[in-house]
Amino acid sequence: MVVVEADGNYVQPFSVEDMDIYTGESYSVLFTTDQDPSKNYWITVSVRGRLPKSPQGLTRLNYHTTSATELPPSPPPISPLWNDYNHNTAFSTKVLAHMGEGPSSISYVAHPSSHPTNG
């Protein structure tokens, strides 16, 4: 999948197999559905950053041509270990602001009442 936005801001697009999302964060991703449409595929969610006491969340990516009740042929993917901070850092360092073209067209002017006056 390709990450294209983080917390409402465009980022330089980058590809990942998985991603870490923390409380309050949001991401937009694009993924290409170019696999064998006669099969379903796993999508998983798991707890990271603390010792999990809950099972991995699972759902299926289902192509219209295949029954949604059919299990994927492979086992669900194994999530990175909860304390694999190198994995987390590898994701975080890929999140870079999308660079626009040319100078910004936005200008900021301080409102006069926002500055304290002497007297």
N, C-alpha and C. Protein backbone atom coordinates (compact mmCIF):
# COMPACT_ATOMS: atom_id res chain seq x y z
N MET A 1 0.85 -1.17 0.00
CA MET A 1 0.00 0.00 0.00
C MET A 1 0.89 1.23 0.00
N VAL A 2 0.34 2.33 -0.43
CA VAL A 2 1.10 3.57 -0.53
C VAL A 2 0.47 4.60 0.41
N VAL A 3 1.26 5.13 1.31
CA VAL A 3 0.80 6.16 2.24
C VAL A 3 0.88 7.50 1.51
N VAL A 4 -0.23 8.28 1.53
CA VAL A 4 -0.27 9.55 0.81
C VAL A 4 -0.62 10.74 1.71
N GLU A 5 -1.09 10.47 2.94
CA GLU A 5 -1.52 11.56 3.82
C GLU A 5 -1.37 11.12 5.26
N ALA A 6 -0.93 12.04 6.10
CA ALA A 6 -0.80 11.78 7.54
C ALA A 6 -1.39 12.96 8.30
N ASP A 7 -2.37 12.68 9.13
CA ASP A 7 -3.01 13.70 9.97
C ASP A 7 -3.47 14.92 9.18
N GLY A 8 -4.07 14.68 8.02
CA GLY A 8 -4.63 15.76 7.22
C GLY A 8 -3.64 16.50 6.36
N ASN A 9 -2.40 16.02 6.28
CA ASN A 9 -1.37 16.67 5.46
C ASN A 9 -0.83 15.68 4.44
N TYR A 10 -0.69 16.14 3.20
CA TYR A 10 -0.09 15.29 2.18
C TYR A 10 1.35 15.00 2.53
N VAL A 11 1.77 13.76 2.27
CA VAL A 11 3.16 13.37 2.47
C VAL A 11 3.72 12.90 1.14
N GLN A 12 5.04 12.85 1.08
CA GLN A 12 5.66 12.26 -0.10
C GLN A 12 5.25 10.79 -0.10
N PRO A 13 4.57 10.31 -1.14
CA PRO A 13 4.07 8.93 -1.14
C PRO A 13 5.20 7.92 -0.95
N PHE A 14 4.91 6.90 -0.14
CA PHE A 14 5.87 5.82 0.07
C PHE A 14 5.13 4.51 0.29
N SER A 15 5.77 3.42 -0.12
CA SER A 15 5.16 2.09 -0.04
C SER A 15 5.52 1.41 1.27
N VAL A 16 4.56 0.69 1.83
CA VAL A 16 4.77 -0.09 3.05
C VAL A 16 3.97 -1.39 2.96
N GLU A 17 4.41 -2.37 3.71
CA GLU A 17 3.67 -3.62 3.85
C GLU A 17 2.76 -3.55 5.07
N ASP A 18 3.16 -2.75 6.07
CA ASP A 18 2.37 -2.54 7.27
C ASP A 18 2.71 -1.17 7.82
N MET A 19 1.94 -0.71 8.80
CA MET A 19 2.19 0.62 9.34
C MET A 19 1.77 0.69 10.80
N ASP A 20 2.41 1.57 11.53
CA ASP A 20 2.07 1.82 12.92
C ASP A 20 1.20 3.07 12.98
N ILE A 21 0.05 2.97 13.64
CA ILE A 21 -0.84 4.10 13.83
C ILE A 21 -1.11 4.20 15.32
N TYR A 22 -0.91 5.37 15.89
CA TYR A 22 -1.11 5.57 17.31
C TYR A 22 -2.37 6.38 17.57
N THR A 23 -2.78 6.43 18.82
CA THR A 23 -3.99 7.13 19.23
C THR A 23 -4.01 8.55 18.67
N GLY A 24 -5.11 8.90 18.02
CA GLY A 24 -5.28 10.24 17.49
C GLY A 24 -4.68 10.46 16.11
N GLU A 25 -3.93 9.51 15.59
CA GLU A 25 -3.34 9.68 14.26
C GLU A 25 -4.31 9.18 13.19
N SER A 26 -4.16 9.74 12.00
CA SER A 26 -4.93 9.25 10.85
C SER A 26 -4.03 9.25 9.62
N TYR A 27 -4.25 8.29 8.76
CA TYR A 27 -3.49 8.16 7.52
C TYR A 27 -4.44 7.85 6.39
N SER A 28 -4.08 8.24 5.19
CA SER A 28 -4.78 7.82 3.98
C SER A 28 -3.81 6.98 3.18
N VAL A 29 -4.28 5.83 2.74
CA VAL A 29 -3.44 4.93 1.96
C VAL A 29 -4.18 4.52 0.69
N LEU A 30 -3.40 4.17 -0.30
CA LEU A 30 -3.93 3.62 -1.55
C LEU A 30 -3.39 2.21 -1.68
N PHE A 31 -4.24 1.30 -2.05
CA PHE A 31 -3.72 -0.03 -2.34
C PHE A 31 -4.33 -0.54 -3.62
N THR A 32 -3.54 -1.31 -4.34
CA THR A 32 -3.92 -1.80 -5.64
C THR A 32 -4.48 -3.20 -5.50
N THR A 33 -5.67 -3.41 -6.00
CA THR A 33 -6.30 -4.73 -5.94
C THR A 33 -6.00 -5.46 -7.25
N ASP A 34 -4.77 -5.95 -7.34
CA ASP A 34 -4.33 -6.61 -8.57
C ASP A 34 -3.97 -8.08 -8.35
N GLN A 35 -4.49 -8.66 -7.28
CA GLN A 35 -4.20 -10.06 -6.99
C GLN A 35 -5.24 -10.96 -7.66
N ASP A 36 -5.07 -12.25 -7.51
CA ASP A 36 -5.98 -13.24 -8.08
C ASP A 36 -7.39 -13.02 -7.51
N PRO A 37 -8.37 -12.62 -8.34
CA PRO A 37 -9.70 -12.32 -7.83
C PRO A 37 -10.51 -13.55 -7.42
N SER A 38 -9.97 -14.74 -7.62
CA SER A 38 -10.68 -15.95 -7.19
C SER A 38 -10.37 -16.29 -5.73
N LYS A 39 -9.59 -15.44 -5.07
CA LYS A 39 -9.22 -15.67 -3.67
C LYS A 39 -9.56 -14.45 -2.83
N ASN A 40 -9.73 -14.66 -1.54
CA ASN A 40 -9.83 -13.58 -0.57
C ASN A 40 -8.49 -13.41 0.12
N TYR A 41 -8.28 -12.25 0.77
CA TYR A 41 -6.99 -11.94 1.39
C TYR A 41 -7.22 -11.37 2.78
N TRP A 42 -6.26 -11.64 3.67
CA TRP A 42 -6.34 -11.15 5.05
C TRP A 42 -5.91 -9.69 5.16
N ILE A 43 -6.57 -8.96 6.03
CA ILE A 43 -6.14 -7.65 6.50
C ILE A 43 -6.13 -7.78 8.02
N THR A 44 -5.04 -7.38 8.66
CA THR A 44 -4.91 -7.57 10.10
C THR A 44 -4.62 -6.26 10.82
N VAL A 45 -5.01 -6.22 12.08
CA VAL A 45 -4.73 -5.10 12.97
C VAL A 45 -4.23 -5.70 14.28
N SER A 46 -3.16 -5.14 14.83
CA SER A 46 -2.66 -5.66 16.10
C SER A 46 -2.14 -4.52 16.97
N VAL A 47 -2.02 -4.79 18.24
CA VAL A 47 -1.51 -3.82 19.21
C VAL A 47 0.01 -3.81 19.15
N ARG A 48 0.58 -2.61 19.14
CA ARG A 48 2.05 -2.47 19.19
C ARG A 48 2.39 -1.38 20.18
N GLY A 49 3.60 -1.40 20.70
CA GLY A 49 4.05 -0.36 21.61
C GLY A 49 3.80 -0.71 23.07
N ARG A 50 3.02 -1.74 23.33
CA ARG A 50 2.83 -2.25 24.68
C ARG A 50 2.47 -3.73 24.56
N LEU A 51 2.72 -4.46 25.61
CA LEU A 51 2.42 -5.89 25.60
C LEU A 51 0.92 -6.08 25.38
N PRO A 52 0.54 -6.70 24.25
CA PRO A 52 -0.89 -6.82 23.95
C PRO A 52 -1.57 -7.86 24.84
N LYS A 53 -2.78 -7.53 25.23
CA LYS A 53 -3.61 -8.47 25.98
C LYS A 53 -4.88 -8.77 25.19
N SER A 54 -4.86 -8.42 23.92
CA SER A 54 -6.00 -8.68 23.05
C SER A 54 -5.52 -9.39 21.80
N PRO A 55 -6.39 -10.21 21.22
CA PRO A 55 -5.97 -10.93 20.00
C PRO A 55 -5.87 -9.99 18.80
N GLN A 56 -5.19 -10.45 17.79
CA GLN A 56 -5.06 -9.74 16.53
C GLN A 56 -6.44 -9.58 15.90
N GLY A 57 -6.73 -8.39 15.36
CA GLY A 57 -7.98 -8.17 14.64
C GLY A 57 -7.83 -8.62 13.20
N LEU A 58 -8.82 -9.28 12.68
CA LEU A 58 -8.77 -9.81 11.32
C LEU A 58 -10.00 -9.41 10.53
N THR A 59 -9.79 -9.13 9.26
CA THR A 59 -10.90 -8.98 8.31
C THR A 59 -10.40 -9.50 6.98
N ARG A 60 -11.28 -9.56 6.00
CA ARG A 60 -10.90 -10.09 4.69
C ARG A 60 -11.11 -9.04 3.61
N LEU A 61 -10.16 -8.99 2.71
CA LEU A 61 -10.32 -8.23 1.47
C LEU A 61 -10.99 -9.18 0.50
N ASN A 62 -12.15 -8.81 0.02
CA ASN A 62 -12.96 -9.70 -0.80
C ASN A 62 -13.18 -9.10 -2.18
N TYR A 63 -12.79 -9.85 -3.20
CA TYR A 63 -13.14 -9.48 -4.57
C TYR A 63 -14.58 -9.89 -4.81
N HIS A 64 -15.29 -9.12 -5.61
CA HIS A 64 -16.71 -9.35 -5.87
C HIS A 64 -16.97 -10.75 -6.44
N THR A 65 -16.02 -11.30 -7.16
CA THR A 65 -16.23 -12.61 -7.81
C THR A 65 -16.15 -13.78 -6.85
N THR A 66 -15.72 -13.56 -5.61
CA THR A 66 -15.54 -14.63 -4.64
C THR A 66 -16.48 -14.41 -3.46
N SER A 67 -16.99 -15.49 -2.91
CA SER A 67 -17.87 -15.39 -1.75
C SER A 67 -17.13 -14.76 -0.57
N ALA A 68 -17.77 -13.82 0.10
CA ALA A 68 -17.16 -13.16 1.25
C ALA A 68 -16.97 -14.13 2.42
N THR A 69 -17.68 -15.24 2.41
CA THR A 69 -17.54 -16.21 3.50
C THR A 69 -16.36 -17.16 3.29
N GLU A 70 -15.76 -17.14 2.12
CA GLU A 70 -14.62 -18.03 1.84
C GLU A 70 -13.35 -17.50 2.50
N LEU A 71 -12.71 -18.35 3.29
CA LEU A 71 -11.47 -17.94 3.96
C LEU A 71 -10.33 -17.85 2.96
N PRO A 72 -9.39 -16.92 3.20
CA PRO A 72 -8.20 -16.85 2.36
C PRO A 72 -7.42 -18.17 2.44
N PRO A 73 -6.70 -18.52 1.36
CA PRO A 73 -5.99 -19.80 1.35
C PRO A 73 -4.75 -19.83 2.25
N SER A 74 -4.23 -18.67 2.61
CA SER A 74 -3.03 -18.63 3.46
C SER A 74 -3.41 -18.21 4.88
N PRO A 75 -2.56 -18.52 5.85
CA PRO A 75 -2.84 -18.07 7.22
C PRO A 75 -2.69 -16.55 7.32
N PRO A 76 -3.30 -15.94 8.33
CA PRO A 76 -3.15 -14.48 8.50
C PRO A 76 -1.68 -14.11 8.69
N PRO A 77 -1.29 -12.91 8.23
CA PRO A 77 0.11 -12.49 8.41
C PRO A 77 0.44 -12.32 9.89
N ILE A 78 1.70 -12.50 10.19
CA ILE A 78 2.20 -12.30 11.55
C ILE A 78 2.59 -10.84 11.69
N SER A 79 2.06 -10.19 12.71
CA SER A 79 2.39 -8.78 12.95
C SER A 79 3.79 -8.66 13.53
N PRO A 80 4.44 -7.51 13.34
CA PRO A 80 5.74 -7.29 13.99
C PRO A 80 5.57 -7.40 15.51
N LEU A 81 6.62 -7.77 16.19
CA LEU A 81 6.56 -7.87 17.65
C LEU A 81 6.18 -6.53 18.27
N TRP A 82 5.48 -6.57 19.36
CA TRP A 82 4.98 -5.35 20.01
C TRP A 82 6.10 -4.41 20.42
N ASN A 83 7.29 -4.92 20.69
CA ASN A 83 8.39 -4.08 21.16
C ASN A 83 9.51 -3.95 20.11
N ASP A 84 9.19 -4.14 18.85
CA ASP A 84 10.18 -3.99 17.78
C ASP A 84 10.26 -2.52 17.38
N TYR A 85 11.02 -1.77 18.14
CA TYR A 85 11.10 -0.32 17.92
C TYR A 85 11.85 0.03 16.65
N ASN A 86 12.74 -0.84 16.18
CA ASN A 86 13.41 -0.59 14.90
C ASN A 86 12.40 -0.61 13.76
N HIS A 87 11.43 -1.50 13.84
CA HIS A 87 10.38 -1.55 12.82
C HIS A 87 9.58 -0.25 12.84
N ASN A 88 9.24 0.21 14.02
CA ASN A 88 8.51 1.46 14.18
C ASN A 88 9.29 2.63 13.62
N THR A 89 10.57 2.71 13.93
CA THR A 89 11.41 3.80 13.45
C THR A 89 11.53 3.78 11.93
N ALA A 90 11.63 2.59 11.36
CA ALA A 90 11.73 2.48 9.89
C ALA A 90 10.50 3.07 9.22
N PHE A 91 9.31 2.90 9.83
CA PHE A 91 8.10 3.51 9.28
C PHE A 91 8.13 5.02 9.48
N SER A 92 8.41 5.45 10.69
CA SER A 92 8.35 6.89 11.03
C SER A 92 9.28 7.73 10.18
N THR A 93 10.44 7.21 9.84
CA THR A 93 11.40 8.00 9.06
C THR A 93 10.98 8.14 7.60
N LYS A 94 9.98 7.38 7.16
CA LYS A 94 9.48 7.50 5.79
C LYS A 94 8.44 8.61 5.65
N VAL A 95 7.88 9.08 6.77
CA VAL A 95 6.82 10.08 6.72
C VAL A 95 7.47 11.45 6.54
N LEU A 96 7.43 11.98 5.31
CA LEU A 96 8.02 13.26 4.98
C LEU A 96 6.97 14.15 4.34
N ALA A 97 6.97 15.41 4.67
CA ALA A 97 6.00 16.35 4.12
C ALA A 97 6.09 16.37 2.60
N HIS A 98 4.94 16.49 1.95
CA HIS A 98 4.90 16.63 0.50
C HIS A 98 5.37 18.04 0.15
N MET A 99 6.34 18.13 -0.72
CA MET A 99 6.91 19.42 -1.10
C MET A 99 6.10 20.00 -2.26
N GLY A 100 5.60 21.19 -2.07
CA GLY A 100 4.85 21.87 -3.11
C GLY A 100 5.78 22.45 -4.16
N GLU A 101 5.19 23.06 -5.16
CA GLU A 101 5.97 23.69 -6.22
C GLU A 101 5.91 25.20 -6.06
N GLY A 102 7.04 25.84 -6.06
CA GLY A 102 7.11 27.30 -5.98
C GLY A 102 6.82 27.81 -4.58
N PRO A 103 6.86 29.13 -4.42
CA PRO A 103 6.63 29.72 -3.10
C PRO A 103 5.17 29.57 -2.69
N SER A 104 4.97 29.57 -1.41
CA SER A 104 3.61 29.45 -0.88
C SER A 104 2.80 30.69 -1.24
N SER A 105 1.53 30.49 -1.54
CA SER A 105 0.66 31.62 -1.86
C SER A 105 -0.05 32.11 -0.60
N ILE A 106 0.25 31.51 0.54
CA ILE A 106 -0.39 31.89 1.79
C ILE A 106 0.51 32.89 2.51
N SER A 107 -0.07 33.99 2.97
CA SER A 107 0.70 34.94 3.77
C SER A 107 -0.03 35.15 5.09
N TYR A 108 0.72 35.40 6.12
CA TYR A 108 0.16 35.59 7.44
C TYR A 108 0.43 37.02 7.89
N VAL A 109 -0.59 37.69 8.35
CA VAL A 109 -0.45 39.06 8.86
C VAL A 109 -0.97 39.05 10.28
N ALA A 110 -0.15 39.50 11.22
CA ALA A 110 -0.56 39.56 12.61
C ALA A 110 -1.65 40.61 12.79
N HIS A 111 -2.65 40.27 13.52
CA HIS A 111 -3.73 41.21 13.83
C HIS A 111 -3.21 42.18 14.88
N PRO A 112 -3.44 43.49 14.74
CA PRO A 112 -2.91 44.45 15.70
C PRO A 112 -3.31 44.19 17.14
N SER A 113 -4.47 43.63 17.38
CA SER A 113 -4.89 43.40 18.77
C SER A 113 -4.16 42.21 19.40
N SER A 114 -3.38 41.46 18.61
CA SER A 114 -2.66 40.33 19.16
C SER A 114 -1.34 40.72 19.79
N HIS A 115 -0.94 42.02 19.66
CA HIS A 115 0.32 42.48 20.24
C HIS A 115 0.04 43.35 21.45
N PRO A 116 0.71 43.08 22.58
CA PRO A 116 0.51 43.94 23.75
C PRO A 116 1.10 45.34 23.51
N THR A 117 0.47 46.31 24.08
CA THR A 117 0.96 47.69 23.96
C THR A 117 1.37 48.20 25.32
N ASN A 118 2.30 49.12 25.33
CA ASN A 118 2.73 49.75 26.58
C ASN A 118 1.82 50.94 26.85
N GLY A 119 1.47 51.13 28.11
CA GLY A 119 0.73 52.33 28.41
C GLY A 119 -0.38 52.08 29.23
